[in-house]
Amino acid sequence: MTPLMENEARRFIALVDEFYERHVKLVVSAAAPVI
């Protein structure tokens, strides 16, 4: 992973964590299979 991708991944995880803490339901779709 490039440094930019690592930063984006951390920010996405922080966003998901914030949604969880605020009891917000999140629906995610992926263009590729999730491993």
N, C-alpha and C. Protein backbone atom coordinates (compact mmCIF):
# COMPACT_ATOMS: atom_id res chain seq x y z
N MET A 1 0.84 -1.18 0.00
CA MET A 1 0.00 0.00 0.00
C MET A 1 0.88 1.24 0.00
N THR A 2 0.49 2.20 -0.78
CA THR A 2 1.23 3.46 -0.79
C THR A 2 0.86 4.27 0.45
N PRO A 3 1.70 5.23 0.82
CA PRO A 3 1.37 6.08 1.98
C PRO A 3 0.01 6.77 1.83
N LEU A 4 -0.33 7.18 0.61
CA LEU A 4 -1.62 7.83 0.39
C LEU A 4 -2.76 6.85 0.65
N MET A 5 -2.62 5.62 0.17
CA MET A 5 -3.66 4.61 0.39
C MET A 5 -3.79 4.26 1.87
N GLU A 6 -2.66 4.22 2.58
CA GLU A 6 -2.71 3.94 4.02
C GLU A 6 -3.48 5.03 4.75
N ASN A 7 -3.23 6.28 4.38
CA ASN A 7 -3.94 7.41 4.99
C ASN A 7 -5.44 7.32 4.70
N GLU A 8 -5.79 7.01 3.45
CA GLU A 8 -7.20 6.90 3.09
C GLU A 8 -7.86 5.75 3.84
N ALA A 9 -7.17 4.64 4.00
CA ALA A 9 -7.72 3.49 4.73
C ALA A 9 -7.95 3.85 6.19
N ARG A 10 -7.00 4.54 6.81
CA ARG A 10 -7.17 4.96 8.21
C ARG A 10 -8.36 5.89 8.37
N ARG A 11 -8.51 6.81 7.42
CA ARG A 11 -9.62 7.76 7.50
C ARG A 11 -10.96 7.05 7.31
N PHE A 12 -11.00 6.06 6.43
CA PHE A 12 -12.22 5.29 6.22
C PHE A 12 -12.58 4.51 7.48
N ILE A 13 -11.59 3.89 8.10
CA ILE A 13 -11.82 3.14 9.34
C ILE A 13 -12.33 4.07 10.43
N ALA A 14 -11.76 5.26 10.52
CA ALA A 14 -12.21 6.24 11.52
C ALA A 14 -13.66 6.64 11.25
N LEU A 15 -14.03 6.79 9.98
CA LEU A 15 -15.40 7.13 9.62
C LEU A 15 -16.36 6.02 10.03
N VAL A 16 -16.01 4.78 9.72
CA VAL A 16 -16.85 3.64 10.10
C VAL A 16 -16.98 3.56 11.62
N ASP A 17 -15.89 3.80 12.33
CA ASP A 17 -15.92 3.78 13.80
C ASP A 17 -16.86 4.86 14.33
N GLU A 18 -16.81 6.03 13.74
CA GLU A 18 -17.69 7.13 14.17
C GLU A 18 -19.16 6.78 13.92
N PHE A 19 -19.44 6.20 12.76
CA PHE A 19 -20.81 5.75 12.47
C PHE A 19 -21.27 4.75 13.52
N TYR A 20 -20.41 3.79 13.86
CA TYR A 20 -20.75 2.76 14.85
C TYR A 20 -21.10 3.40 16.19
N GLU A 21 -20.27 4.33 16.63
CA GLU A 21 -20.49 4.97 17.93
C GLU A 21 -21.78 5.78 17.96
N ARG A 22 -22.18 6.30 16.81
CA ARG A 22 -23.40 7.11 16.74
C ARG A 22 -24.62 6.28 16.30
N HIS A 23 -24.45 4.96 16.24
CA HIS A 23 -25.53 4.04 15.87
C HIS A 23 -26.10 4.33 14.48
N VAL A 24 -25.21 4.68 13.56
CA VAL A 24 -25.61 4.94 12.17
C VAL A 24 -25.40 3.65 11.38
N LYS A 25 -26.43 3.25 10.64
CA LYS A 25 -26.31 2.05 9.82
C LYS A 25 -25.57 2.40 8.53
N LEU A 26 -24.62 1.56 8.17
CA LEU A 26 -23.80 1.79 6.98
C LEU A 26 -23.94 0.60 6.06
N VAL A 27 -24.29 0.85 4.80
CA VAL A 27 -24.37 -0.20 3.79
C VAL A 27 -23.25 0.06 2.81
N VAL A 28 -22.43 -0.97 2.58
CA VAL A 28 -21.26 -0.82 1.71
C VAL A 28 -21.33 -1.82 0.57
N SER A 29 -20.97 -1.37 -0.60
CA SER A 29 -20.91 -2.22 -1.79
C SER A 29 -19.49 -2.14 -2.35
N ALA A 30 -19.02 -3.25 -2.90
CA ALA A 30 -17.67 -3.28 -3.46
C ALA A 30 -17.72 -3.74 -4.92
N ALA A 31 -16.85 -3.16 -5.74
CA ALA A 31 -16.77 -3.54 -7.14
C ALA A 31 -16.03 -4.86 -7.32
N ALA A 32 -15.25 -5.23 -6.32
CA ALA A 32 -14.47 -6.47 -6.36
C ALA A 32 -14.83 -7.31 -5.14
N PRO A 33 -14.59 -8.61 -5.21
CA PRO A 33 -14.88 -9.45 -4.04
C PRO A 33 -14.07 -9.00 -2.82
N VAL A 34 -14.70 -9.04 -1.67
CA VAL A 34 -14.02 -8.69 -0.42
C VAL A 34 -13.34 -9.95 0.10
N ILE A 35 -12.08 -9.83 0.43
CA ILE A 35 -11.31 -11.00 0.89
C ILE A 35 -11.55 -11.23 2.36
